[in-house]
Every structure is written in C-alpha cells, then in structure tokens.
Amino acid sequence: MSAYETIYTIVRQIPPGQVATYGQVADLANLPGRARLVGYALFRVAPDSDIPWHRVINAKGEVSQSPVRRGSDYLQRALLEEEGIQFSPQGRVNLREYRWNAEGV
C-alpha cells in the first residue's frame, strides 16, 4: 500500500463530528514528521470523494488556508460546522473536545 493509500485509509476512519491533525494522521500512518505529506495527499482528493478530507486540520486547531486551495478552506470549515464542530471567534477548533482519539487504529 502506498503512503497516500495508507493516509486515505486512516482518514476514512475519522468519524463525523471529530477531527484529526495532519501530524496525528502522519503518526498513525507510520510516517512521523510527515504532516506536510498528509496535506499533499488530501489536497489531491476530490471534494466529493468518500475520503472525509475536511476532518483533518492543523495542530493549532485551525483550517489551513492557502490561495492554492481555491476556496476549499472555506468549504472545509462549512463541512465541519455542518457536523456540529464549533469554531472559536479566532477560527480554532477545541482539540480537547473534538480530536479523534483513534483508539484501535
């Protein structure tokens, strides 16, 4: 299985209403220190894919923003809010409340 396939397998396990960080997914994929690789893998996923790419956020609890995302950062926040995830006025998710514990992965 390729690194991207491993990342996608892990991300598919994140339940609605919970999030994981890029670094957390990298660690679970046995790719420690490769959080950026997780970001690259998820950037290649079609928005309507069965991979819940929107449930992966940065270590600060924020949706990573970049002009190359072509608006998917705003879509990501909207999808998370639809799942009941709340953002602070500063645009952060409380990771203590919403972080996926990934037990058994």
Protein backbone atom coordinates (compact mmCIF):
# COMPACT_ATOMS: atom_id res chain seq x y z
CA MET A 1 0.00 0.00 0.00
CA SER A 2 1.38 3.44 -0.90
CA ALA A 3 1.78 6.23 1.64
CA TYR A 4 -1.20 8.07 0.13
CA GLU A 5 -3.39 4.95 0.30
CA THR A 6 -2.41 4.46 3.94
CA ILE A 7 -3.29 8.09 4.69
CA TYR A 8 -6.66 7.73 2.96
CA THR A 9 -7.42 4.52 4.89
CA ILE A 10 -6.80 6.33 8.17
CA VAL A 11 -8.74 9.46 7.25
CA ARG A 12 -11.76 7.35 6.25
CA GLN A 13 -11.94 6.20 9.89
CA ILE A 14 -12.35 9.69 11.38
CA PRO A 15 -16.00 9.84 12.48
CA PRO A 16 -18.33 12.76 11.78
CA GLY A 17 -18.08 15.46 14.41
CA GLN A 18 -14.42 14.75 15.13
CA VAL A 19 -11.14 15.97 13.66
CA ALA A 20 -7.54 14.82 13.44
CA THR A 21 -4.43 16.87 12.84
CA TYR A 22 -2.10 16.39 9.90
CA GLY A 23 0.61 15.26 12.30
CA GLN A 24 -1.71 12.82 14.04
CA VAL A 25 -2.61 11.20 10.72
CA ALA A 26 1.07 11.05 9.74
CA ASP A 27 1.93 9.31 13.02
CA LEU A 28 -0.92 6.81 12.60
CA ALA A 29 0.28 6.12 9.04
CA ASN A 30 3.74 5.34 10.44
CA LEU A 31 5.06 8.49 8.74
CA PRO A 32 6.23 10.52 11.76
CA GLY A 33 7.20 14.08 10.94
CA ARG A 34 5.45 13.91 7.58
CA ALA A 35 2.41 16.10 8.31
CA ARG A 36 3.02 18.03 5.10
CA LEU A 37 2.79 14.78 3.11
CA VAL A 38 -0.67 14.25 4.62
CA GLY A 39 -1.63 17.72 3.41
CA TYR A 40 -0.37 16.96 -0.10
CA ALA A 41 -2.29 13.68 -0.17
CA LEU A 42 -5.53 15.31 0.95
CA PHE A 43 -5.12 18.20 -1.50
CA ARG A 44 -5.37 15.63 -4.30
CA VAL A 45 -8.70 14.27 -3.08
CA ALA A 46 -11.81 15.37 -4.98
CA PRO A 47 -14.19 17.36 -2.75
CA ASP A 48 -16.97 14.81 -3.35
CA SER A 49 -14.75 11.81 -2.56
CA ASP A 50 -15.64 9.23 0.09
CA ILE A 51 -12.50 10.37 1.93
CA PRO A 52 -13.53 12.90 4.62
CA TRP A 53 -10.58 15.19 3.89
CA HIS A 54 -12.31 18.05 5.68
CA ARG A 55 -11.84 16.36 9.09
CA VAL A 56 -8.07 16.92 9.06
CA ILE A 57 -6.88 20.28 10.38
CA ASN A 58 -3.62 21.79 11.58
CA ALA A 59 -2.06 21.38 15.03
CA LYS A 60 -3.36 24.79 16.13
CA GLY A 61 -6.92 23.57 15.60
CA GLU A 62 -7.34 25.70 12.50
CA VAL A 63 -8.33 25.06 8.92
CA SER A 64 -5.13 25.66 6.97
CA GLN A 65 -5.62 28.49 4.50
CA SER A 66 -3.78 28.94 1.24
CA PRO A 67 -4.54 30.59 -2.10
CA VAL A 68 -3.77 27.30 -3.87
CA ARG A 69 -6.75 25.68 -2.12
CA ARG A 70 -9.08 27.61 -4.43
CA GLY A 71 -11.72 28.12 -1.73
CA SER A 72 -11.66 24.61 -0.30
CA ASP A 73 -10.60 26.09 3.04
CA TYR A 74 -13.99 27.82 3.31
CA LEU A 75 -15.75 24.64 2.21
CA GLN A 76 -13.80 22.68 4.84
CA ARG A 77 -14.99 24.93 7.65
CA ALA A 78 -18.59 24.78 6.41
CA LEU A 79 -18.50 20.96 6.26
CA LEU A 80 -17.09 20.76 9.78
CA GLU A 81 -19.74 23.15 11.09
CA GLU A 82 -22.44 21.00 9.43
CA GLU A 83 -21.11 18.10 11.51
CA GLY A 84 -21.54 20.14 14.71
CA ILE A 85 -17.94 21.22 15.18
CA GLN A 86 -17.75 24.69 16.66
CA PHE A 87 -15.07 27.27 15.96
CA SER A 88 -13.89 29.95 18.37
CA PRO A 89 -14.09 33.60 17.28
CA GLN A 90 -10.40 33.20 16.35
CA GLY A 91 -11.28 30.36 13.95
CA ARG A 92 -10.00 27.50 16.08
CA VAL A 93 -11.45 24.12 16.96
CA ASN A 94 -11.05 22.97 20.57
CA LEU A 95 -8.89 19.90 20.00
CA ARG A 96 -9.50 18.65 23.56
CA GLU A 97 -13.18 18.43 22.70
CA TYR A 98 -13.20 17.37 19.04
CA ARG A 99 -9.93 15.48 18.44
CA TRP A 100 -10.40 11.89 17.32
CA ASN A 101 -8.77 9.51 19.80
CA ALA A 102 -8.02 6.93 17.06
CA GLU A 103 -8.14 4.09 19.55
CA GLY A 104 -7.50 0.76 17.91
CA VAL A 105 -6.11 2.16 14.67
